[in-house]
PDB file of N, CA and C in Angstrom:
ATOM      1  N   UNK A   1     -97.903  43.001  94.695  1.00  0.00           N
ATOM      2  CA  UNK A   1     -98.723  43.150  95.873  1.00  0.00           C
ATOM      3  C   UNK A   1     -97.877  43.734  96.995  1.00  0.00           C
ATOM      4  N   UNK A   2     -98.550  44.444  97.877  1.00  0.00           N
ATOM      5  CA  UNK A   2     -97.890  45.105  98.993  1.00  0.00           C
ATOM      6  C   UNK A   2     -98.657  44.839 100.282  1.00  0.00           C
ATOM      7  N   UNK A   3     -97.937  44.831 101.382  1.00  0.00           N
ATOM      8  CA  UNK A   3     -98.552  44.835 102.699  1.00  0.00           C
ATOM      9  C   UNK A   3     -98.342  46.229 103.260  1.00  0.00           C
ATOM     10  N   UNK A   4     -99.422  46.949 103.471  1.00  0.00           N
ATOM     11  CA  UNK A   4     -99.359  48.267 104.092  1.00  0.00           C
ATOM     12  C   UNK A   4     -99.574  48.078 105.585  1.00  0.00           C
ATOM     13  N   UNK A   5     -98.602  48.496 106.364  1.00  0.00           N
ATOM     14  CA  UNK A   5     -98.669  48.408 107.820  1.00  0.00           C
ATOM     15  C   UNK A   5     -98.823  49.826 108.343  1.00  0.00           C
ATOM     16  N   UNK A   6     -99.895  50.062 109.083  1.00  0.00           N
ATOM     17  CA  UNK A   6    -100.159  51.380 109.646  1.00  0.00           C
ATOM     18  C   UNK A   6    -100.393  51.216 111.140  1.00  0.00           C
ATOM     19  N   UNK A   7     -99.658  51.969 111.948  1.00  0.00           N
ATOM     20  CA  UNK A   7     -99.830  51.923 113.396  1.00  0.00           C
ATOM     21  C   UNK A   7    -100.345  53.288 113.826  1.00  0.00           C
ATOM     22  N   UNK A   8    -101.518  53.272 114.460  1.00  0.00           N
ATOM     23  CA  UNK A   8    -102.227  54.504 114.812  1.00  0.00           C
ATOM     24  C   UNK A   8    -102.621  54.436 116.284  1.00  0.00           C
ATOM     25  N   UNK A   9    -102.517  55.558 116.989  1.00  0.00           N
ATOM     26  CA  UNK A   9    -102.902  55.611 118.403  1.00  0.00           C
ATOM     27  C   UNK A   9    -104.402  55.859 118.600  1.00  0.00           C
ATOM     28  N   UNK A  10    -105.019  56.600 117.718  1.00  0.00           N
ATOM     29  CA  UNK A  10    -106.401  57.057 117.883  1.00  0.00           C
ATOM     30  C   UNK A  10    -107.363  56.132 117.131  1.00  0.00           C
ATOM     31  N   UNK A  11    -108.220  55.412 117.882  1.00  0.00           N
ATOM     32  CA  UNK A  11    -109.122  54.456 117.243  1.00  0.00           C
ATOM     33  C   UNK A  11    -110.093  55.134 116.282  1.00  0.00           C
ATOM     34  N   UNK A  12    -110.509  56.358 116.578  1.00  0.00           N
ATOM     35  CA  UNK A  12    -111.413  57.080 115.673  1.00  0.00           C
ATOM     36  C   UNK A  12    -110.759  57.255 114.302  1.00  0.00           C
ATOM     37  N   UNK A  13    -109.457  57.505 114.295  1.00  0.00           N
ATOM     38  CA  UNK A  13    -108.747  57.639 113.020  1.00  0.00           C
ATOM     39  C   UNK A  13    -108.690  56.301 112.289  1.00  0.00           C
ATOM     40  N   UNK A  14    -108.619  55.210 113.038  1.00  0.00           N
ATOM     41  CA  UNK A  14    -108.642  53.880 112.416  1.00  0.00           C
ATOM     42  C   UNK A  14    -109.969  53.695 111.690  1.00  0.00           C
ATOM     43  N   UNK A  15    -111.065  54.013 112.359  1.00  0.00           N
ATOM     44  CA  UNK A  15    -112.386  53.890 111.731  1.00  0.00           C
ATOM     45  C   UNK A  15    -112.481  54.763 110.480  1.00  0.00           C
ATOM     46  N   UNK A  16    -112.018  56.007 110.594  1.00  0.00           N
ATOM     47  CA  UNK A  16    -112.059  56.924 109.448  1.00  0.00           C
ATOM     48  C   UNK A  16    -111.218  56.390 108.291  1.00  0.00           C
ATOM     49  N   UNK A  17    -110.058  55.823 108.611  1.00  0.00           N
ATOM     50  CA  UNK A  17    -109.179  55.286 107.575  1.00  0.00           C
ATOM     51  C   UNK A  17    -109.833  54.115 106.855  1.00  0.00           C
ATOM     52  N   UNK A  18    -110.445  53.218 107.601  1.00  0.00           N
ATOM     53  CA  UNK A  18    -111.090  52.061 106.978  1.00  0.00           C
ATOM     54  C   UNK A  18    -112.230  52.490 106.059  1.00  0.00           C
ATOM     55  N   UNK A  19    -113.014  53.464 106.488  1.00  0.00           N
ATOM     56  CA  UNK A  19    -114.090  53.978 105.633  1.00  0.00           C
ATOM     57  C   UNK A  19    -113.520  54.625 104.370  1.00  0.00           C
ATOM     58  N   UNK A  20    -112.419  55.342 104.510  1.00  0.00           N
ATOM     59  CA  UNK A  20    -111.785  55.960 103.341  1.00  0.00           C
ATOM     60  C   UNK A  20    -111.212  54.897 102.406  1.00  0.00           C
ATOM     61  N   UNK A  21    -110.650  53.828 102.967  1.00  0.00           N
ATOM     62  CA  UNK A  21    -110.144  52.731 102.136  1.00  0.00           C
ATOM     63  C   UNK A  21    -111.255  52.156 101.261  1.00  0.00           C
ATOM     64  N   UNK A  22    -112.433  51.979 101.827  1.00  0.00           N
ATOM     65  CA  UNK A  22    -113.557  51.447 101.050  1.00  0.00           C
ATOM     66  C   UNK A  22    -113.848  52.370  99.867  1.00  0.00           C
ATOM     67  N   UNK A  23    -113.693  53.672 100.070  1.00  0.00           N
ATOM     68  CA  UNK A  23    -113.926  54.637  99.000  1.00  0.00           C
ATOM     69  C   UNK A  23    -112.984  54.480  97.815  1.00  0.00           C
ATOM     70  N   UNK A  24    -111.813  53.883  98.040  1.00  0.00           N
ATOM     71  CA  UNK A  24    -110.889  53.636  96.921  1.00  0.00           C
ATOM     72  C   UNK A  24    -110.779  52.128  96.645  1.00  0.00           C
ATOM     73  N   UNK A  25    -111.821  51.421  97.037  1.00  0.00           N
ATOM     74  CA  UNK A  25    -111.980  49.992  96.748  1.00  0.00           C
ATOM     75  C   UNK A  25    -110.910  49.105  97.388  1.00  0.00           C
ATOM     76  N   UNK A  26    -110.453  49.502  98.568  1.00  0.00           N
ATOM     77  CA  UNK A  26    -109.637  48.620  99.403  1.00  0.00           C
ATOM     78  C   UNK A  26    -110.595  48.097 100.458  1.00  0.00           C
ATOM     79  N   UNK A  27    -110.923  46.825 100.361  1.00  0.00           N
ATOM     80  CA  UNK A  27    -112.033  46.301 101.167  1.00  0.00           C
ATOM     81  C   UNK A  27    -111.618  45.271 102.206  1.00  0.00           C
ATOM     82  N   UNK A  28    -110.340  45.139 102.474  1.00  0.00           N
ATOM     83  CA  UNK A  28    -109.933  44.163 103.475  1.00  0.00           C
ATOM     84  C   UNK A  28    -108.722  44.621 104.255  1.00  0.00           C
ATOM     85  N   UNK A  29    -108.879  44.734 105.552  1.00  0.00           N
ATOM     86  CA  UNK A  29    -107.776  45.047 106.462  1.00  0.00           C
ATOM     87  C   UNK A  29    -107.993  44.247 107.733  1.00  0.00           C
ATOM     88  N   UNK A  30    -106.923  43.996 108.439  1.00  0.00           N
ATOM     89  CA  UNK A  30    -106.998  43.352 109.745  1.00  0.00           C
ATOM     90  C   UNK A  30    -106.471  44.341 110.770  1.00  0.00           C
ATOM     91  N   UNK A  31    -107.191  44.494 111.880  1.00  0.00           N
ATOM     92  CA  UNK A  31    -106.802  45.436 112.919  1.00  0.00           C
ATOM     93  C   UNK A  31    -106.441  44.656 114.175  1.00  0.00           C
ATOM     94  N   UNK A  32    -105.264  44.951 114.705  1.00  0.00           N
ATOM     95  CA  UNK A  32    -104.789  44.328 115.933  1.00  0.00           C
ATOM     96  C   UNK A  32    -104.503  45.423 116.953  1.00  0.00           C
ATOM     97  N   UNK A  33    -104.815  45.154 118.226  1.00  0.00           N
ATOM     98  CA  UNK A  33    -104.429  46.078 119.283  1.00  0.00           C
ATOM     99  C   UNK A  33    -103.035  45.710 119.747  1.00  0.00           C
ATOM    100  N   UNK A  34    -102.263  46.712 120.107  1.00  0.00           N
ATOM    101  CA  UNK A  34    -100.911  46.429 120.554  1.00  0.00           C
ATOM    102  C   UNK A  34    -100.420  47.454 121.553  1.00  0.00           C
ATOM    103  N   UNK A  35     -99.248  47.180 122.077  1.00  0.00           N
ATOM    104  CA  UNK A  35     -98.573  48.080 122.998  1.00  0.00           C
ATOM    105  C   UNK A  35     -97.217  48.416 122.415  1.00  0.00           C
ATOM    106  N   UNK A  36     -96.842  49.667 122.537  1.00  0.00           N
ATOM    107  CA  UNK A  36     -95.516  50.073 122.117  1.00  0.00           C
ATOM    108  C   UNK A  36     -94.485  49.714 123.172  1.00  0.00           C
ATOM    109  N   UNK A  37     -93.248  49.801 122.795  1.00  0.00           N
ATOM    110  CA  UNK A  37     -92.149  49.457 123.690  1.00  0.00           C
ATOM    111  C   UNK A  37     -92.191  50.278 124.978  1.00  0.00           C
ATOM    112  N   UNK A  38     -92.474  51.570 124.845  1.00  0.00           N
ATOM    113  CA  UNK A  38     -92.530  52.434 126.016  1.00  0.00           C
ATOM    114  C   UNK A  38     -93.596  52.014 127.001  1.00  0.00           C
ATOM    115  N   UNK A  39     -94.756  51.631 126.503  1.00  0.00           N
ATOM    116  CA  UNK A  39     -95.833  51.205 127.388  1.00  0.00           C
ATOM    117  C   UNK A  39     -95.478  49.896 128.073  1.00  0.00           C
ATOM    118  N   UNK A  40     -94.923  48.982 127.334  1.00  0.00           N
ATOM    119  CA  UNK A  40     -94.561  47.693 127.905  1.00  0.00           C
ATOM    120  C   UNK A  40     -93.496  47.851 128.983  1.00  0.00           C
ATOM    121  N   UNK A  41     -92.471  48.647 128.713  1.00  0.00           N
ATOM    122  CA  UNK A  41     -91.436  48.871 129.722  1.00  0.00           C
ATOM    123  C   UNK A  41     -92.001  49.593 130.934  1.00  0.00           C
ATOM    124  N   UNK A  42     -92.977  50.473 130.717  1.00  0.00           N
ATOM    125  CA  UNK A  42     -93.607  51.175 131.826  1.00  0.00           C
ATOM    126  C   UNK A  42     -94.412  50.262 132.723  1.00  0.00           C
ATOM    127  N   UNK A  43     -94.844  49.116 132.199  1.00  0.00           N
ATOM    128  CA  UNK A  43     -95.608  48.153 132.989  1.00  0.00           C
ATOM    129  C   UNK A  43     -94.719  47.300 133.881  1.00  0.00           C
ATOM    130  N   UNK A  44     -93.423  47.282 133.610  1.00  0.00           N
ATOM    131  CA  UNK A  44     -92.480  46.501 134.414  1.00  0.00           C
ATOM    132  C   UNK A  44     -91.923  47.430 135.483  1.00  0.00           C
ATOM    133  N   UNK A  45     -92.182  47.137 136.779  1.00  0.00           N
ATOM    134  CA  UNK A  45     -91.796  48.072 137.842  1.00  0.00           C
ATOM    135  C   UNK A  45     -90.344  48.548 137.770  1.00  0.00           C
ATOM    136  N   UNK A  46     -89.430  47.664 137.503  1.00  0.00           N
ATOM    137  CA  UNK A  46     -88.018  48.059 137.481  1.00  0.00           C
ATOM    138  C   UNK A  46     -87.704  48.971 136.296  1.00  0.00           C
ATOM    139  N   UNK A  47     -88.537  48.929 135.270  1.00  0.00           N
ATOM    140  CA  UNK A  47     -88.318  49.733 134.071  1.00  0.00           C
ATOM    141  C   UNK A  47     -89.193  50.984 134.026  1.00  0.00           C
ATOM    142  N   UNK A  48     -90.023  51.211 135.033  1.00  0.00           N
ATOM    143  CA  UNK A  48     -90.984  52.313 135.001  1.00  0.00           C
ATOM    144  C   UNK A  48     -90.309  53.663 134.784  1.00  0.00           C
ATOM    145  N   UNK A  49     -89.100  53.839 135.299  1.00  0.00           N
ATOM    146  CA  UNK A  49     -88.399  55.107 135.131  1.00  0.00           C
ATOM    147  C   UNK A  49     -88.034  55.383 133.676  1.00  0.00           C
ATOM    148  N   UNK A  50     -87.986  54.348 132.847  1.00  0.00           N
ATOM    149  CA  UNK A  50     -87.654  54.524 131.437  1.00  0.00           C
ATOM    150  C   UNK A  50     -88.832  55.028 130.614  1.00  0.00           C
ATOM    151  N   UNK A  51     -90.033  54.973 131.188  1.00  0.00           N
ATOM    152  CA  UNK A  51     -91.234  55.331 130.434  1.00  0.00           C
ATOM    153  C   UNK A  51     -91.154  56.737 129.845  1.00  0.00           C
ATOM    154  N   UNK A  52     -90.528  57.646 130.555  1.00  0.00           N
ATOM    155  CA  UNK A  52     -90.405  59.019 130.083  1.00  0.00           C
ATOM    156  C   UNK A  52     -89.602  59.160 128.799  1.00  0.00           C
ATOM    157  N   UNK A  53     -88.834  58.153 128.466  1.00  0.00           N
ATOM    158  CA  UNK A  53     -88.040  58.190 127.240  1.00  0.00           C
ATOM    159  C   UNK A  53     -88.881  57.945 125.994  1.00  0.00           C
ATOM    160  N   UNK A  54     -90.128  57.484 126.176  1.00  0.00           N
ATOM    161  CA  UNK A  54     -90.987  57.118 125.056  1.00  0.00           C
ATOM    162  C   UNK A  54     -92.247  57.970 125.071  1.00  0.00           C
ATOM    163  N   UNK A  55     -92.236  59.137 124.395  1.00  0.00           N
ATOM    164  CA  UNK A  55     -93.408  60.015 124.398  1.00  0.00           C
ATOM    165  C   UNK A  55     -94.656  59.306 123.889  1.00  0.00           C
ATOM    166  N   UNK A  56     -95.777  59.574 124.549  1.00  0.00           N
ATOM    167  CA  UNK A  56     -97.043  59.000 124.106  1.00  0.00           C
ATOM    168  C   UNK A  56     -97.179  57.525 124.372  1.00  0.00           C
ATOM    169  N   UNK A  57     -96.330  56.999 125.246  1.00  0.00           N
ATOM    170  CA  UNK A  57     -96.311  55.553 125.435  1.00  0.00           C
ATOM    171  C   UNK A  57     -97.440  55.045 126.321  1.00  0.00           C
ATOM    172  N   UNK A  58     -98.269  55.923 126.859  1.00  0.00           N
ATOM    173  CA  UNK A  58     -99.325  55.475 127.749  1.00  0.00           C
ATOM    174  C   UNK A  58    -100.588  55.012 127.043  1.00  0.00           C
ATOM    175  N   UNK A  59    -100.615  55.063 125.745  1.00  0.00           N
ATOM    176  CA  UNK A  59    -101.822  54.709 125.013  1.00  0.00           C
ATOM    177  C   UNK A  59    -101.631  53.424 124.236  1.00  0.00           C
ATOM    178  N   UNK A  60    -102.718  52.701 124.053  1.00  0.00           N
ATOM    179  CA  UNK A  60    -102.664  51.533 123.180  1.00  0.00           C
ATOM    180  C   UNK A  60    -102.514  51.993 121.738  1.00  0.00           C
ATOM    181  N   UNK A  61    -102.043  51.086 120.918  1.00  0.00           N
ATOM    182  CA  UNK A  61    -101.898  51.350 119.489  1.00  0.00           C
ATOM    183  C   UNK A  61    -102.766  50.381 118.715  1.00  0.00           C
ATOM    184  N   UNK A  62    -103.092  50.751 117.507  1.00  0.00           N
ATOM    185  CA  UNK A  62    -103.871  49.896 116.621  1.00  0.00           C
ATOM    186  C   UNK A  62    -103.040  49.659 115.368  1.00  0.00           C
ATOM    187  N   UNK A  63    -102.833  48.404 115.061  1.00  0.00           N
ATOM    188  CA  UNK A  63    -102.042  47.984 113.916  1.00  0.00           C
ATOM    189  C   UNK A  63    -103.008  47.586 112.812  1.00  0.00           C
ATOM    190  N   UNK A  64    -102.958  48.305 111.698  1.00  0.00           N
ATOM    191  CA  UNK A  64    -103.830  48.031 110.559  1.00  0.00           C
ATOM    192  C   UNK A  64    -102.978  47.368 109.479  1.00  0.00           C
ATOM    193  N   UNK A  65    -103.299  46.118 109.161  1.00  0.00           N
ATOM    194  CA  UNK A  65    -102.587  45.357 108.138  1.00  0.00           C
ATOM    195  C   UNK A  65    -103.470  45.277 106.906  1.00  0.00           C
ATOM    196  N   UNK A  66    -102.959  45.737 105.772  1.00  0.00           N
ATOM    197  CA  UNK A  66    -103.744  45.773 104.546  1.00  0.00           C
ATOM    198  C   UNK A  66    -102.923  45.216 103.391  1.00  0.00           C
ATOM    199  N   UNK A  67    -103.404  44.130 102.792  1.00  0.00           N
ATOM    200  CA  UNK A  67    -102.785  43.593 101.583  1.00  0.00           C
ATOM    201  C   UNK A  67    -103.481  44.259 100.406  1.00  0.00           C
ATOM    202  N   UNK A  68    -102.681  44.859  99.522  1.00  0.00           N
ATOM    203  CA  UNK A  68    -103.281  45.569  98.403  1.00  0.00           C
ATOM    204  C   UNK A  68    -102.406  45.477  97.165  1.00  0.00           C
ATOM    205  N   UNK A  69    -103.028  45.763  96.046  1.00  0.00           N
ATOM    206  CA  UNK A  69    -102.305  45.816  94.787  1.00  0.00           C
ATOM    207  C   UNK A  69    -101.363  47.017  94.837  1.00  0.00           C
ATOM    208  N   UNK A  70    -100.189  46.862  94.240  1.00  0.00           N
ATOM    209  CA  UNK A  70     -99.185  47.929  94.270  1.00  0.00           C
ATOM    210  C   UNK A  70     -99.723  49.247  93.712  1.00  0.00           C
ATOM    211  N   UNK A  71    -100.651  49.187  92.776  1.00  0.00           N
ATOM    212  CA  UNK A  71    -101.208  50.408  92.183  1.00  0.00           C
ATOM    213  C   UNK A  71    -102.044  51.212  93.177  1.00  0.00           C
ATOM    214  N   UNK A  72    -102.465  50.588  94.265  1.00  0.00           N
ATOM    215  CA  UNK A  72    -103.284  51.284  95.266  1.00  0.00           C
ATOM    216  C   UNK A  72    -102.471  51.765  96.460  1.00  0.00           C
ATOM    217  N   UNK A  73    -101.164  51.474  96.457  1.00  0.00           N
ATOM    218  CA  UNK A  73    -100.333  51.843  97.601  1.00  0.00           C
ATOM    219  C   UNK A  73    -100.247  53.357  97.786  1.00  0.00           C
ATOM    220  N   UNK A  74     -99.922  54.097  96.744  1.00  0.00           N
ATOM    221  CA  UNK A  74     -99.798  55.556  96.866  1.00  0.00           C
ATOM    222  C   UNK A  74    -101.115  56.207  97.300  1.00  0.00           C
ATOM    223  N   UNK A  75    -102.262  55.853  96.682  1.00  0.00           N
ATOM    224  CA  UNK A  75    -103.523  56.438  97.158  1.00  0.00           C
ATOM    225  C   UNK A  75    -103.829  56.073  98.615  1.00  0.00           C
ATOM    226  N   UNK A  76    -103.484  54.858  99.016  1.00  0.00           N
ATOM    227  CA  UNK A  76    -103.726  54.441 100.401  1.00  0.00           C
ATOM    228  C   UNK A  76    -102.857  55.250 101.364  1.00  0.00           C
ATOM    229  N   UNK A  77    -101.585  55.432 101.028  1.00  0.00           N
ATOM    230  CA  UNK A  77    -100.702  56.237 101.880  1.00  0.00           C
ATOM    231  C   UNK A  77    -101.149  57.694 101.923  1.00  0.00           C
ATOM    232  N   UNK A  78    -101.666  58.205 100.814  1.00  0.00           N
ATOM    233  CA  UNK A  78    -102.211  59.568 100.803  1.00  0.00           C
ATOM    234  C   UNK A  78    -103.367  59.688 101.790  1.00  0.00           C
ATOM    235  N   UNK A  79    -104.227  58.668 101.835  1.00  0.00           N
ATOM    236  CA  UNK A  79    -105.342  58.677 102.788  1.00  0.00           C
ATOM    237  C   UNK A  79    -104.839  58.604 104.226  1.00  0.00           C
ATOM    238  N   UNK A  80    -103.828  57.789 104.462  1.00  0.00           N
ATOM    239  CA  UNK A  80    -103.255  57.696 105.811  1.00  0.00           C
ATOM    240  C   UNK A  80    -102.788  59.079 106.254  1.00  0.00           C
ATOM    241  N   UNK A  81    -102.058  59.787 105.400  1.00  0.00           N
ATOM    242  CA  UNK A  81    -101.575  61.125 105.756  1.00  0.00           C
ATOM    243  C   UNK A  81    -102.716  62.125 105.895  1.00  0.00           C
ATOM    244  N   UNK A  82    -103.728  62.011 105.054  1.00  0.00           N
ATOM    245  CA  UNK A  82    -104.867  62.930 105.134  1.00  0.00           C
ATOM    246  C   UNK A  82    -105.605  62.758 106.461  1.00  0.00           C
ATOM    247  N   UNK A  83    -105.769  61.525 106.900  1.00  0.00           N
ATOM    248  CA  UNK A  83    -106.551  61.244 108.103  1.00  0.00           C
ATOM    249  C   UNK A  83    -105.708  61.332 109.374  1.00  0.00           C
ATOM    250  N   UNK A  84    -104.479  60.856 109.313  1.00  0.00           N
ATOM    251  CA  UNK A  84    -103.645  60.752 110.514  1.00  0.00           C
ATOM    252  C   UNK A  84    -102.602  61.857 110.623  1.00  0.00           C
ATOM    253  N   UNK A  85    -102.434  62.639 109.582  1.00  0.00           N
ATOM    254  CA  UNK A  85    -101.385  63.648 109.583  1.00  0.00           C
ATOM    255  C   UNK A  85    -100.094  63.067 109.026  1.00  0.00           C
ATOM    256  N   UNK A  86     -99.055  63.878 109.033  1.00  0.00           N
ATOM    257  CA  UNK A  86     -97.773  63.479 108.444  1.00  0.00           C
ATOM    258  C   UNK A  86     -96.998  62.489 109.319  1.00  0.00           C
ATOM    259  N   UNK A  87     -97.430  62.285 110.556  1.00  0.00           N
ATOM    260  CA  UNK A  87     -96.771  61.360 111.483  1.00  0.00           C
ATOM    261  C   UNK A  87     -95.293  61.710 111.653  1.00  0.00           C
ATOM    262  N   UNK A  88     -95.005  62.993 111.812  1.00  0.00           N
ATOM    263  CA  UNK A  88     -93.622  63.448 111.928  1.00  0.00           C
ATOM    264  C   UNK A  88     -93.118  63.464 113.362  1.00  0.00           C
ATOM    265  N   UNK A  89     -94.007  63.405 114.336  1.00  0.00           N
ATOM    266  CA  UNK A  89     -93.605  63.474 115.735  1.00  0.00           C
ATOM    267  C   UNK A  89     -93.712  62.109 116.398  1.00  0.00           C
ATOM    268  N   UNK A  90     -92.901  61.886 117.439  1.00  0.00           N
ATOM    269  CA  UNK A  90     -92.990  60.609 118.155  1.00  0.00           C
ATOM    270  C   UNK A  90     -94.411  60.370 118.656  1.00  0.00           C
ATOM    271  N   UNK A  91     -94.825  59.163 118.628  1.00  0.00           N
ATOM    272  CA  UNK A  91     -96.120  58.688 119.139  1.00  0.00           C
ATOM    273  C   UNK A  91     -97.303  59.039 118.253  1.00  0.00           C
ATOM    274  N   UNK A  92     -97.097  59.665 117.092  1.00  0.00           N
ATOM    275  CA  UNK A  92     -98.222  59.959 116.206  1.00  0.00           C
ATOM    276  C   UNK A  92     -98.612  58.751 115.364  1.00  0.00           C
ATOM    277  N   UNK A  93     -97.685  57.851 115.163  1.00  0.00           N
ATOM    278  CA  UNK A  93     -97.960  56.675 114.355  1.00  0.00           C
ATOM    279  C   UNK A  93     -96.894  56.485 113.298  1.00  0.00           C
ATOM    280  N   UNK A  94     -97.093  55.454 112.501  1.00  0.00           N
ATOM    281  CA  UNK A  94     -96.144  55.136 111.436  1.00  0.00           C
ATOM    282  C   UNK A  94     -96.889  54.354 110.361  1.00  0.00           C
ATOM    283  N   UNK A  95     -96.440  54.494 109.141  1.00  0.00           N
ATOM    284  CA  UNK A  95     -96.981  53.700 108.037  1.00  0.00           C
ATOM    285  C   UNK A  95     -95.821  53.305 107.133  1.00  0.00           C
ATOM    286  N   UNK A  96     -95.824  52.056 106.708  1.00  0.00           N
ATOM    287  CA  UNK A  96     -94.799  51.583 105.783  1.00  0.00           C
ATOM    288  C   UNK A  96     -95.352  50.406 105.009  1.00  0.00           C
ATOM    289  N   UNK A  97     -94.692  50.087 103.904  1.00  0.00           N
ATOM    290  CA  UNK A  97     -95.144  48.954 103.097  1.00  0.00           C
ATOM    291  C   UNK A  97     -94.018  47.945 102.943  1.00  0.00           C
ATOM    292  N   UNK A  98     -94.432  46.711 102.695  1.00  0.00           N
ATOM    293  CA  UNK A  98     -93.509  45.599 102.491  1.00  0.00           C
ATOM    294  C   UNK A  98     -93.995  44.839 101.262  1.00  0.00           C
ATOM    295  N   UNK A  99     -93.108  44.553 100.309  1.00  0.00           N
ATOM    296  CA  UNK A  99     -93.541  43.778  99.142  1.00  0.00           C
ATOM    297  C   UNK A  99     -93.927  42.352  99.530  1.00  0.00           C
ATOM    298  N   UNK A 100     -94.934  41.828  98.847  1.00  0.00           N
ATOM    299  CA  UNK A 100     -95.391  40.456  99.077  1.00  0.00           C
ATOM    300  C   UNK A 100     -95.197  39.682  97.779  1.00  0.00           C
ATOM    301  N   UNK A 101     -94.530  38.546  97.868  1.00  0.00           N
ATOM    302  CA  UNK A 101     -94.319  37.717  96.684  1.00  0.00           C
ATOM    303  C   UNK A 101     -95.553  36.936  96.293  1.00  0.00           C
ATOM    304  N   UNK A 102     -96.178  36.303  97.257  1.00  0.00           N
ATOM    305  CA  UNK A 102     -97.373  35.499  96.999  1.00  0.00           C
ATOM    306  C   UNK A 102     -98.329  35.654  98.170  1.00  0.00           C
ATOM    307  N   UNK A 103     -99.591  35.426  97.890  1.00  0.00           N
ATOM    308  CA  UNK A 103    -100.600  35.463  98.948  1.00  0.00           C
ATOM    309  C   UNK A 103    -101.661  34.424  98.639  1.00  0.00           C
ATOM    310  N   UNK A 104    -102.178  33.819  99.666  1.00  0.00           N
ATOM    311  CA  UNK A 104    -103.281  32.864  99.545  1.00  0.00           C
ATOM    312  C   UNK A 104    -104.360  33.258 100.554  1.00  0.00           C
ATOM    313  N   UNK A 105    -105.581  32.925 100.228  1.00  0.00           N
ATOM    314  CA  UNK A 105    -106.655  33.111 101.190  1.00  0.00           C
ATOM    315  C   UNK A 105    -107.413  34.414 101.092  1.00  0.00           C
ATOM    316  N   UNK A 106    -107.216  35.174 100.037  1.00  0.00           N
ATOM    317  CA  UNK A 106    -107.997  36.392  99.865  1.00  0.00           C
ATOM    318  C   UNK A 106    -109.125  36.074  98.906  1.00  0.00           C
ATOM    319  N   UNK A 107    -110.328  36.068  99.446  1.00  0.00           N
ATOM    320  CA  UNK A 107    -111.498  35.725  98.639  1.00  0.00           C
ATOM    321  C   UNK A 107    -111.663  36.726  97.501  1.00  0.00           C
ATOM    322  N   UNK A 108    -111.753  36.212  96.305  1.00  0.00           N
ATOM    323  CA  UNK A 108    -111.954  37.075  95.150  1.00  0.00           C
ATOM    324  C   UNK A 108    -110.700  37.778  94.675  1.00  0.00           C
ATOM    325  N   UNK A 109    -109.584  37.535  95.326  1.00  0.00           N
ATOM    326  CA  UNK A 109    -108.338  38.175  94.912  1.00  0.00           C
ATOM    327  C   UNK A 109    -108.314  39.642  95.267  1.00  0.00           C
ATOM    328  N   UNK A 110    -107.329  40.336  94.779  1.00  0.00           N
ATOM    329  CA  UNK A 110    -107.190  41.762  95.045  1.00  0.00           C
ATOM    330  C   UNK A 110    -107.778  42.564  93.907  1.00  0.00           C
ATOM    331  N   UNK A 111    -108.337  43.691  94.242  1.00  0.00           N
ATOM    332  CA  UNK A 111    -108.907  44.579  93.225  1.00  0.00           C
ATOM    333  C   UNK A 111    -107.841  45.558  92.794  1.00  0.00           C
TER     334      UNK A 111
END
């Protein structure tokens, strides 16, 4: 099992990604709103001058957490790149996976 972590700036892309996940039978993700380091430092008056060091830091981010079977990781990452782009530039987003040893609480298990 894997935890796919995807951080995306554009909420429309989050919606598109979730719909695409359903198409490959990934039916469970959790979405959290967050702030990047640049945005947080920009909110602190003494640190506001540092904001320029973090491109794209003025926008909220969306963290998509998806537990999936290892066999679905490559297709899921392909969808992330198809919808969000290659994420090669700062502030475009990031996607990575982390192995999971055990999981509890997923109704019906993983497909």
